[in-house]
Amino acid sequence: MARFIAIEKITGRVYGDTARFGPAGNVASPADAVCLFDRQLGRAPRGFGHVGPTSRAASYDVYSIERSDSDRPTANDTEAHALVHAHGSWVVGLVTYNS
């Protein structure tokens, strides 16, 4: 299963890395990954829409990292950005909607 790293579109900050959650981070989709990050931060559930890589409406860009490339969780934004740059594949832009 792939690992996901979500980066906030506007700020460039890393919203989350599923590898930081061990087995609980084994999620099936980018939206599931952001839901996992939301739950860990105590945020209310949200809905998601998918948009393309150039969309200005996206809240997050989500990247997939194959588990074999790096199983070690990133400790900070710099490490996460470096991993995305070296081994990441852009998967989807997500627009969030409050439920």
PDB file of N, CA and C in Angstrom:
ATOM      1  N   MET A   1       0.841  -1.175   0.000  1.00  0.00           N
ATOM      2  CA  MET A   1       0.000   0.000   0.000  1.00  0.00           C
ATOM      3  C   MET A   1       0.893   1.249   0.000  1.00  0.00           C
ATOM      4  N   ALA A   2       0.472   2.255  -0.694  1.00  0.00           N
ATOM      5  CA  ALA A   2       1.245   3.498  -0.773  1.00  0.00           C
ATOM      6  C   ALA A   2       1.120   4.303   0.508  1.00  0.00           C
ATOM      7  N   ARG A   3       2.052   5.173   0.694  1.00  0.00           N
ATOM      8  CA  ARG A   3       1.990   6.124   1.799  1.00  0.00           C
ATOM      9  C   ARG A   3       1.668   7.471   1.177  1.00  0.00           C
ATOM     10  N   PHE A   4       0.992   8.325   1.913  1.00  0.00           N
ATOM     11  CA  PHE A   4       0.582   9.622   1.399  1.00  0.00           C
ATOM     12  C   PHE A   4       1.154  10.745   2.245  1.00  0.00           C
ATOM     13  N   ILE A   5       1.547  11.810   1.561  1.00  0.00           N
ATOM     14  CA  ILE A   5       1.962  13.049   2.213  1.00  0.00           C
ATOM     15  C   ILE A   5       1.091  14.157   1.625  1.00  0.00           C
ATOM     16  N   ALA A   6       0.412  14.886   2.505  1.00  0.00           N
ATOM     17  CA  ALA A   6      -0.448  15.992   2.076  1.00  0.00           C
ATOM     18  C   ALA A   6       0.239  17.307   2.407  1.00  0.00           C
ATOM     19  N   ILE A   7       0.265  18.192   1.425  1.00  0.00           N
ATOM     20  CA  ILE A   7       0.894  19.505   1.589  1.00  0.00           C
ATOM     21  C   ILE A   7      -0.162  20.573   1.344  1.00  0.00           C
ATOM     22  N   GLU A   8      -0.268  21.515   2.287  1.00  0.00           N
ATOM     23  CA  GLU A   8      -1.227  22.598   2.132  1.00  0.00           C
ATOM     24  C   GLU A   8      -0.849  23.427   0.913  1.00  0.00           C
ATOM     25  N   LYS A   9      -1.800  23.629   0.042  1.00  0.00           N
ATOM     26  CA  LYS A   9      -1.546  24.311  -1.231  1.00  0.00           C
ATOM     27  C   LYS A   9      -1.091  25.759  -1.037  1.00  0.00           C
ATOM     28  N   ILE A  10      -1.724  26.489  -0.146  1.00  0.00           N
ATOM     29  CA  ILE A  10      -1.429  27.916   0.003  1.00  0.00           C
ATOM     30  C   ILE A  10      -0.116  28.153   0.740  1.00  0.00           C
ATOM     31  N   THR A  11       0.110  27.432   1.828  1.00  0.00           N
ATOM     32  CA  THR A  11       1.269  27.703   2.677  1.00  0.00           C
ATOM     33  C   THR A  11       2.492  26.857   2.348  1.00  0.00           C
ATOM     34  N   GLY A  12       2.267  25.691   1.721  1.00  0.00           N
ATOM     35  CA  GLY A  12       3.371  24.767   1.469  1.00  0.00           C
ATOM     36  C   GLY A  12       3.738  23.933   2.680  1.00  0.00           C
ATOM     37  N   ARG A  13       3.015  24.107   3.778  1.00  0.00           N
ATOM     38  CA  ARG A  13       3.273  23.313   4.985  1.00  0.00           C
ATOM     39  C   ARG A  13       2.771  21.890   4.791  1.00  0.00           C
ATOM     40  N   VAL A  14       3.455  20.966   5.418  1.00  0.00           N
ATOM     41  CA  VAL A  14       3.056  19.560   5.356  1.00  0.00           C
ATOM     42  C   VAL A  14       1.920  19.347   6.350  1.00  0.00           C
ATOM     43  N   TYR A  15       0.770  18.893   5.840  1.00  0.00           N
ATOM     44  CA  TYR A  15      -0.380  18.633   6.705  1.00  0.00           C
ATOM     45  C   TYR A  15      -0.227  17.287   7.391  1.00  0.00           C
ATOM     46  N   GLY A  16       0.375  16.332   6.709  1.00  0.00           N
ATOM     47  CA  GLY A  16       0.584  15.042   7.333  1.00  0.00           C
ATOM     48  C   GLY A  16       1.306  14.063   6.445  1.00  0.00           C
ATOM     49  N   ASP A  17       1.840  13.027   7.094  1.00  0.00           N
ATOM     50  CA  ASP A  17       2.545  11.916   6.448  1.00  0.00           C
ATOM     51  C   ASP A  17       1.974  10.654   7.068  1.00  0.00           C
ATOM     52  N   THR A  18       1.342   9.811   6.278  1.00  0.00           N
ATOM     53  CA  THR A  18       0.699   8.620   6.841  1.00  0.00           C
ATOM     54  C   THR A  18       1.690   7.690   7.521  1.00  0.00           C
ATOM     55  N   ALA A  19       2.967   7.744   7.165  1.00  0.00           N
ATOM     56  CA  ALA A  19       3.963   6.887   7.808  1.00  0.00           C
ATOM     57  C   ALA A  19       4.138   7.231   9.285  1.00  0.00           C
ATOM     58  N   ARG A  20       3.741   8.419   9.676  1.00  0.00           N
ATOM     59  CA  ARG A  20       3.863   8.825  11.085  1.00  0.00           C
ATOM     60  C   ARG A  20       2.885   8.081  11.996  1.00  0.00           C
ATOM     61  N   PHE A  21       1.927   7.363  11.403  1.00  0.00           N
ATOM     62  CA  PHE A  21       0.876   6.708  12.182  1.00  0.00           C
ATOM     63  C   PHE A  21       1.003   5.189  12.221  1.00  0.00           C
ATOM     64  N   GLY A  22       2.129   4.665  11.777  1.00  0.00           N
ATOM     65  CA  GLY A  22       2.347   3.216  11.802  1.00  0.00           C
ATOM     66  C   GLY A  22       1.253   2.490  11.041  1.00  0.00           C
ATOM     67  N   PRO A  23       0.780   1.349  11.550  1.00  0.00           N
ATOM     68  CA  PRO A  23      -0.248   0.575  10.850  1.00  0.00           C
ATOM     69  C   PRO A  23      -1.551   1.349  10.625  1.00  0.00           C
ATOM     70  N   ALA A  24      -1.873   2.291  11.488  1.00  0.00           N
ATOM     71  CA  ALA A  24      -3.087   3.099  11.302  1.00  0.00           C
ATOM     72  C   ALA A  24      -2.980   3.980  10.064  1.00  0.00           C
ATOM     73  N   GLY A  25      -1.766   4.187   9.569  1.00  0.00           N
ATOM     74  CA  GLY A  25      -1.549   5.001   8.384  1.00  0.00           C
ATOM     75  C   GLY A  25      -1.735   4.251   7.083  1.00  0.00           C
ATOM     76  N   ASN A  26      -2.080   2.983   7.153  1.00  0.00           N
ATOM     77  CA  ASN A  26      -2.346   2.198   5.939  1.00  0.00           C
ATOM     78  C   ASN A  26      -3.755   2.507   5.454  1.00  0.00           C
ATOM     79  N   VAL A  27      -3.872   3.568   4.692  1.00  0.00           N
ATOM     80  CA  VAL A  27      -5.166   4.016   4.180  1.00  0.00           C
ATOM     81  C   VAL A  27      -5.233   3.774   2.680  1.00  0.00           C
ATOM     82  N   ALA A  28      -6.447   3.767   2.159  1.00  0.00           N
ATOM     83  CA  ALA A  28      -6.653   3.390   0.761  1.00  0.00           C
ATOM     84  C   ALA A  28      -6.633   4.545  -0.226  1.00  0.00           C
ATOM     85  N   SER A  29      -6.821   5.774   0.248  1.00  0.00           N
ATOM     86  CA  SER A  29      -6.940   6.887  -0.699  1.00  0.00           C
ATOM     87  C   SER A  29      -6.393   8.174  -0.092  1.00  0.00           C
ATOM     88  N   PRO A  30      -6.133   9.163  -0.950  1.00  0.00           N
ATOM     89  CA  PRO A  30      -5.689  10.460  -0.438  1.00  0.00           C
ATOM     90  C   PRO A  30      -6.707  11.100   0.520  1.00  0.00           C
ATOM     91  N   ALA A  31      -7.990  10.988   0.206  1.00  0.00           N
ATOM     92  CA  ALA A  31      -9.011  11.551   1.100  1.00  0.00           C
ATOM     93  C   ALA A  31      -8.994  10.839   2.451  1.00  0.00           C
ATOM     94  N   ASP A  32      -8.791   9.517   2.450  1.00  0.00           N
ATOM     95  CA  ASP A  32      -8.680   8.784   3.712  1.00  0.00           C
ATOM     96  C   ASP A  32      -7.482   9.280   4.516  1.00  0.00           C
ATOM     97  N   ALA A  33      -6.393   9.601   3.827  1.00  0.00           N
ATOM     98  CA  ALA A  33      -5.196  10.115   4.508  1.00  0.00           C
ATOM     99  C   ALA A  33      -5.503  11.439   5.192  1.00  0.00           C
ATOM    100  N   VAL A  34      -6.155  12.373   4.485  1.00  0.00           N
ATOM    101  CA  VAL A  34      -6.465  13.666   5.076  1.00  0.00           C
ATOM    102  C   VAL A  34      -7.473  13.499   6.213  1.00  0.00           C
ATOM    103  N   CYS A  35      -8.400  12.567   6.091  1.00  0.00           N
ATOM    104  CA  CYS A  35      -9.324  12.285   7.200  1.00  0.00           C
ATOM    105  C   CYS A  35      -8.562  11.791   8.423  1.00  0.00           C
ATOM    106  N   LEU A  36      -7.554  10.943   8.213  1.00  0.00           N
ATOM    107  CA  LEU A  36      -6.709  10.466   9.308  1.00  0.00           C
ATOM    108  C   LEU A  36      -6.001  11.647   9.981  1.00  0.00           C
ATOM    109  N   PHE A  37      -5.422  12.546   9.187  1.00  0.00           N
ATOM    110  CA  PHE A  37      -4.746  13.712   9.749  1.00  0.00           C
ATOM    111  C   PHE A  37      -5.737  14.577  10.529  1.00  0.00           C
ATOM    112  N   ASP A  38      -6.928  14.783   9.960  1.00  0.00           N
ATOM    113  CA  ASP A  38      -7.959  15.571  10.635  1.00  0.00           C
ATOM    114  C   ASP A  38      -8.310  14.968  11.993  1.00  0.00           C
ATOM    115  N   ARG A  39      -8.541  13.656  12.031  1.00  0.00           N
ATOM    116  CA  ARG A  39      -8.903  12.989  13.293  1.00  0.00           C
ATOM    117  C   ARG A  39      -7.806  13.178  14.336  1.00  0.00           C
ATOM    118  N   GLN A  40      -6.554  13.039  13.923  1.00  0.00           N
ATOM    119  CA  GLN A  40      -5.438  13.182  14.850  1.00  0.00           C
ATOM    120  C   GLN A  40      -5.329  14.596  15.404  1.00  0.00           C
ATOM    121  N   LEU A  41      -5.779  15.570  14.623  1.00  0.00           N
ATOM    122  CA  LEU A  41      -5.730  16.970  15.055  1.00  0.00           C
ATOM    123  C   LEU A  41      -7.028  17.423  15.725  1.00  0.00           C
ATOM    124  N   GLY A  42      -8.006  16.513  15.820  1.00  0.00           N
ATOM    125  CA  GLY A  42      -9.275  16.846  16.458  1.00  0.00           C
ATOM    126  C   GLY A  42     -10.187  17.718  15.620  1.00  0.00           C
ATOM    127  N   ARG A  43      -9.996  17.710  14.297  1.00  0.00           N
ATOM    128  CA  ARG A  43     -10.845  18.515  13.404  1.00  0.00           C
ATOM    129  C   ARG A  43     -12.149  17.794  13.130  1.00  0.00           C
ATOM    130  N   ALA A  44     -13.171  18.561  12.848  1.00  0.00           N
ATOM    131  CA  ALA A  44     -14.462  18.009  12.467  1.00  0.00           C
ATOM    132  C   ALA A  44     -14.353  17.323  11.107  1.00  0.00           C
ATOM    133  N   PRO A  45     -15.164  16.300  10.853  1.00  0.00           N
ATOM    134  CA  PRO A  45     -15.139  15.633   9.544  1.00  0.00           C
ATOM    135  C   PRO A  45     -15.455  16.623   8.420  1.00  0.00           C
ATOM    136  N   ARG A  46     -14.789  16.408   7.284  1.00  0.00           N
ATOM    137  CA  ARG A  46     -14.991  17.262   6.111  1.00  0.00           C
ATOM    138  C   ARG A  46     -15.221  16.396   4.893  1.00  0.00           C
ATOM    139  N   GLY A  47     -15.801  16.998   3.878  1.00  0.00           N
ATOM    140  CA  GLY A  47     -15.941  16.345   2.586  1.00  0.00           C
ATOM    141  C   GLY A  47     -14.827  16.824   1.667  1.00  0.00           C
ATOM    142  N   PHE A  48     -14.627  16.103   0.563  1.00  0.00           N
ATOM    143  CA  PHE A  48     -13.537  16.432  -0.351  1.00  0.00           C
ATOM    144  C   PHE A  48     -13.997  16.366  -1.790  1.00  0.00           C
ATOM    145  N   GLY A  49     -13.428  17.235  -2.601  1.00  0.00           N
ATOM    146  CA  GLY A  49     -13.579  17.194  -4.038  1.00  0.00           C
ATOM    147  C   GLY A  49     -12.196  17.072  -4.650  1.00  0.00           C
ATOM    148  N   HIS A  50     -12.104  16.426  -5.788  1.00  0.00           N
ATOM    149  CA  HIS A  50     -10.813  16.230  -6.464  1.00  0.00           C
ATOM    150  C   HIS A  50     -10.651  17.268  -7.567  1.00  0.00           C
ATOM    151  N   VAL A  51      -9.454  17.851  -7.634  1.00  0.00           N
ATOM    152  CA  VAL A  51      -9.146  18.829  -8.675  1.00  0.00           C
ATOM    153  C   VAL A  51      -7.768  18.525  -9.256  1.00  0.00           C
ATOM    154  N   GLY A  52      -7.464  19.155 -10.366  1.00  0.00           N
ATOM    155  CA  GLY A  52      -6.197  18.936 -11.053  1.00  0.00           C
ATOM    156  C   GLY A  52      -5.036  19.669 -10.412  1.00  0.00           C
ATOM    157  N   PRO A  53      -3.824  19.423 -10.895  1.00  0.00           N
ATOM    158  CA  PRO A  53      -2.615  19.976 -10.287  1.00  0.00           C
ATOM    159  C   PRO A  53      -2.481  21.491 -10.377  1.00  0.00           C
ATOM    160  N   THR A  54      -3.152  22.122 -11.308  1.00  0.00           N
ATOM    161  CA  THR A  54      -3.026  23.573 -11.449  1.00  0.00           C
ATOM    162  C   THR A  54      -4.176  24.339 -10.799  1.00  0.00           C
ATOM    163  N   SER A  55      -5.088  23.631 -10.151  1.00  0.00           N
ATOM    164  CA  SER A  55      -6.251  24.284  -9.548  1.00  0.00           C
ATOM    165  C   SER A  55      -5.842  25.215  -8.410  1.00  0.00           C
ATOM    166  N   ARG A  56      -6.359  26.424  -8.449  1.00  0.00           N
ATOM    167  CA  ARG A  56      -6.133  27.375  -7.359  1.00  0.00           C
ATOM    168  C   ARG A  56      -7.105  27.120  -6.213  1.00  0.00           C
ATOM    169  N   ALA A  57      -8.103  26.267  -6.434  1.00  0.00           N
ATOM    170  CA  ALA A  57      -9.100  25.977  -5.407  1.00  0.00           C
ATOM    171  C   ALA A  57      -8.653  24.876  -4.457  1.00  0.00           C
ATOM    172  N   ALA A  58      -7.603  24.136  -4.803  1.00  0.00           N
ATOM    173  CA  ALA A  58      -7.176  23.008  -3.978  1.00  0.00           C
ATOM    174  C   ALA A  58      -6.740  23.462  -2.592  1.00  0.00           C
ATOM    175  N   SER A  59      -7.138  22.703  -1.593  1.00  0.00           N
ATOM    176  CA  SER A  59      -6.681  22.938  -0.227  1.00  0.00           C
ATOM    177  C   SER A  59      -5.368  22.205   0.020  1.00  0.00           C
ATOM    178  N   TYR A  60      -5.243  21.008  -0.574  1.00  0.00           N
ATOM    179  CA  TYR A  60      -4.055  20.171  -0.389  1.00  0.00           C
ATOM    180  C   TYR A  60      -3.629  19.543  -1.708  1.00  0.00           C
ATOM    181  N   ASP A  61      -2.328  19.402  -1.885  1.00  0.00           N
ATOM    182  CA  ASP A  61      -1.777  18.533  -2.917  1.00  0.00           C
ATOM    183  C   ASP A  61      -1.349  17.272  -2.182  1.00  0.00           C
ATOM    184  N   VAL A  62      -1.749  16.120  -2.709  1.00  0.00           N
ATOM    185  CA  VAL A  62      -1.420  14.861  -2.044  1.00  0.00           C
ATOM    186  C   VAL A  62      -0.494  14.065  -2.949  1.00  0.00           C
ATOM    187  N   TYR A  63       0.582  13.571  -2.352  1.00  0.00           N
ATOM    188  CA  TYR A  63       1.597  12.807  -3.058  1.00  0.00           C
ATOM    189  C   TYR A  63       1.637  11.392  -2.513  1.00  0.00           C
ATOM    190  N   SER A  64       1.938  10.461  -3.399  1.00  0.00           N
ATOM    191  CA  SER A  64       2.093   9.060  -3.026  1.00  0.00           C
ATOM    192  C   SER A  64       3.575   8.719  -3.020  1.00  0.00           C
ATOM    193  N   ILE A  65       3.992   7.994  -2.008  1.00  0.00           N
ATOM    194  CA  ILE A  65       5.361   7.510  -1.896  1.00  0.00           C
ATOM    195  C   ILE A  65       5.263   6.003  -1.750  1.00  0.00           C
ATOM    196  N   GLU A  66       5.889   5.265  -2.630  1.00  0.00           N
ATOM    197  CA  GLU A  66       5.861   3.823  -2.488  1.00  0.00           C
ATOM    198  C   GLU A  66       6.588   3.432  -1.209  1.00  0.00           C
ATOM    199  N   ARG A  67       6.014   2.547  -0.444  1.00  0.00           N
ATOM    200  CA  ARG A  67       6.558   2.168   0.867  1.00  0.00           C
ATOM    201  C   ARG A  67       8.005   1.697   0.776  1.00  0.00           C
ATOM    202  N   SER A  68       8.380   1.045  -0.296  1.00  0.00           N
ATOM    203  CA  SER A  68       9.743   0.525  -0.398  1.00  0.00           C
ATOM    204  C   SER A  68      10.792   1.634  -0.499  1.00  0.00           C
ATOM    205  N   ASP A  69      10.382   2.841  -0.929  1.00  0.00           N
ATOM    206  CA  ASP A  69      11.333   3.946  -1.063  1.00  0.00           C
ATOM    207  C   ASP A  69      11.807   4.460   0.291  1.00  0.00           C
ATOM    208  N   SER A  70      10.923   4.536   1.240  1.00  0.00           N
ATOM    209  CA  SER A  70      11.296   5.013   2.562  1.00  0.00           C
ATOM    210  C   SER A  70      10.198   4.657   3.547  1.00  0.00           C
ATOM    211  N   ASP A  71      10.530   3.817   4.491  1.00  0.00           N
ATOM    212  CA  ASP A  71       9.545   3.452   5.500  1.00  0.00           C
ATOM    213  C   ASP A  71       9.642   4.342   6.734  1.00  0.00           C
ATOM    214  N   ARG A  72      10.706   5.117   6.836  1.00  0.00           N
ATOM    215  CA  ARG A  72      10.906   5.970   7.996  1.00  0.00           C
ATOM    216  C   ARG A  72      10.013   7.202   7.886  1.00  0.00           C
ATOM    217  N   PRO A  73       9.229   7.476   8.916  1.00  0.00           N
ATOM    218  CA  PRO A  73       8.378   8.674   8.880  1.00  0.00           C
ATOM    219  C   PRO A  73       9.216   9.948   8.841  1.00  0.00           C
ATOM    220  N   THR A  74       8.715  10.951   8.175  1.00  0.00           N
ATOM    221  CA  THR A  74       9.413  12.232   8.165  1.00  0.00           C
ATOM    222  C   THR A  74       9.182  12.923   9.502  1.00  0.00           C
ATOM    223  N   ALA A  75      10.187  13.638   9.970  1.00  0.00           N
ATOM    224  CA  ALA A  75      10.108  14.292  11.272  1.00  0.00           C
ATOM    225  C   ALA A  75       9.709  15.763  11.165  1.00  0.00           C
ATOM    226  N   ASN A  76       9.843  16.334   9.962  1.00  0.00           N
ATOM    227  CA  ASN A  76       9.544  17.757   9.813  1.00  0.00           C
ATOM    228  C   ASN A  76       9.214  18.057   8.353  1.00  0.00           C
ATOM    229  N   ASP A  77       8.831  19.311   8.098  1.00  0.00           N
ATOM    230  CA  ASP A  77       8.448  19.717   6.743  1.00  0.00           C
ATOM    231  C   ASP A  77       9.591  19.569   5.744  1.00  0.00           C
ATOM    232  N   THR A  78      10.797  19.903   6.155  1.00  0.00           N
ATOM    233  CA  THR A  78      11.947  19.824   5.246  1.00  0.00           C
ATOM    234  C   THR A  78      12.160  18.389   4.770  1.00  0.00           C
ATOM    235  N   GLU A  79      12.113  17.430   5.690  1.00  0.00           N
ATOM    236  CA  GLU A  79      12.276  16.022   5.315  1.00  0.00           C
ATOM    237  C   GLU A  79      11.139  15.559   4.410  1.00  0.00           C
ATOM    238  N   ALA A  80       9.910  15.965   4.715  1.00  0.00           N
ATOM    239  CA  ALA A  80       8.758  15.556   3.905  1.00  0.00           C
ATOM    240  C   ALA A  80       8.857  16.110   2.489  1.00  0.00           C
ATOM    241  N   HIS A  81       9.237  17.387   2.358  1.00  0.00           N
ATOM    242  CA  HIS A  81       9.386  17.984   1.028  1.00  0.00           C
ATOM    243  C   HIS A  81      10.498  17.286   0.244  1.00  0.00           C
ATOM    244  N   ALA A  82      11.590  16.957   0.904  1.00  0.00           N
ATOM    245  CA  ALA A  82      12.696  16.266   0.233  1.00  0.00           C
ATOM    246  C   ALA A  82      12.256  14.883  -0.242  1.00  0.00           C
ATOM    247  N   LEU A  83      11.490  14.172   0.573  1.00  0.00           N
ATOM    248  CA  LEU A  83      11.006  12.846   0.189  1.00  0.00           C
ATOM    249  C   LEU A  83      10.044  12.938  -0.989  1.00  0.00           C
ATOM    250  N   VAL A  84       9.141  13.918  -0.955  1.00  0.00           N
ATOM    251  CA  VAL A  84       8.202  14.117  -2.066  1.00  0.00           C
ATOM    252  C   VAL A  84       8.975  14.438  -3.341  1.00  0.00           C
ATOM    253  N   HIS A  85       9.979  15.304  -3.230  1.00  0.00           N
ATOM    254  CA  HIS A  85      10.760  15.683  -4.394  1.00  0.00           C
ATOM    255  C   HIS A  85      11.527  14.491  -4.979  1.00  0.00           C
ATOM    256  N   ALA A  86      12.083  13.661  -4.114  1.00  0.00           N
ATOM    257  CA  ALA A  86      12.915  12.537  -4.572  1.00  0.00           C
ATOM    258  C   ALA A  86      12.111  11.317  -4.999  1.00  0.00           C
ATOM    259  N   HIS A  87      11.013  11.032  -4.308  1.00  0.00           N
ATOM    260  CA  HIS A  87      10.302   9.763  -4.552  1.00  0.00           C
ATOM    261  C   HIS A  87       8.796   9.905  -4.728  1.00  0.00           C
ATOM    262  N   GLY A  88       8.275  11.114  -4.637  1.00  0.00           N
ATOM    263  CA  GLY A  88       6.830  11.295  -4.665  1.00  0.00           C
ATOM    264  C   GLY A  88       6.240  11.380  -6.050  1.00  0.00           C
ATOM    265  N   SER A  89       4.996  10.972  -6.131  1.00  0.00           N
ATOM    266  CA  SER A  89       4.188  11.131  -7.336  1.00  0.00           C
ATOM    267  C   SER A  89       2.925  11.881  -6.938  1.00  0.00           C
ATOM    268  N   TRP A  90       2.669  13.007  -7.623  1.00  0.00           N
ATOM    269  CA  TRP A  90       1.453  13.760  -7.333  1.00  0.00           C
ATOM    270  C   TRP A  90       0.265  12.877  -7.643  1.00  0.00           C
ATOM    271  N   VAL A  91      -0.679  12.809  -6.710  1.00  0.00           N
ATOM    272  CA  VAL A  91      -1.861  11.963  -6.894  1.00  0.00           C
ATOM    273  C   VAL A  91      -3.095  12.812  -7.208  1.00  0.00           C
ATOM    274  N   VAL A  92      -3.346  13.814  -6.373  1.00  0.00           N
ATOM    275  CA  VAL A  92      -4.576  14.588  -6.535  1.00  0.00           C
ATOM    276  C   VAL A  92      -4.475  15.877  -5.735  1.00  0.00           C
ATOM    277  N   GLY A  93      -5.233  16.872  -6.194  1.00  0.00           N
ATOM    278  CA  GLY A  93      -5.474  18.066  -5.394  1.00  0.00           C
ATOM    279  C   GLY A  93      -6.830  17.878  -4.744  1.00  0.00           C
ATOM    280  N   LEU A  94      -6.936  18.195  -3.469  1.00  0.00           N
ATOM    281  CA  LEU A  94      -8.212  18.040  -2.757  1.00  0.00           C
ATOM    282  C   LEU A  94      -8.742  19.404  -2.350  1.00  0.00           C
ATOM    283  N   VAL A  95     -10.008  19.626  -2.627  1.00  0.00           N
ATOM    284  CA  VAL A  95     -10.729  20.780  -2.130  1.00  0.00           C
ATOM    285  C   VAL A  95     -11.509  20.274  -0.932  1.00  0.00           C
ATOM    286  N   THR A  96     -11.459  20.988   0.181  1.00  0.00           N
ATOM    287  CA  THR A  96     -12.174  20.534   1.373  1.00  0.00           C
ATOM    288  C   THR A  96     -13.464  21.310   1.554  1.00  0.00           C
ATOM    289  N   TYR A  97     -14.453  20.614   2.092  1.00  0.00           N
ATOM    290  CA  TYR A  97     -15.755  21.197   2.385  1.00  0.00           C
ATOM    291  C   TYR A  97     -16.120  20.840   3.818  1.00  0.00           C
ATOM    292  N   ASN A  98     -16.521  21.824   4.599  1.00  0.00           N
ATOM    293  CA  ASN A  98     -16.979  21.512   5.947  1.00  0.00           C
ATOM    294  C   ASN A  98     -18.292  20.765   5.860  1.00  0.00           C
ATOM    295  N   SER A  99     -18.425  19.758   6.681  1.00  0.00           N
ATOM    296  CA  SER A  99     -19.658  18.947   6.680  1.00  0.00           C
ATOM    297  C   SER A  99     -20.682  19.518   7.608  1.00  0.00           C
TER     298      SER A  99
END
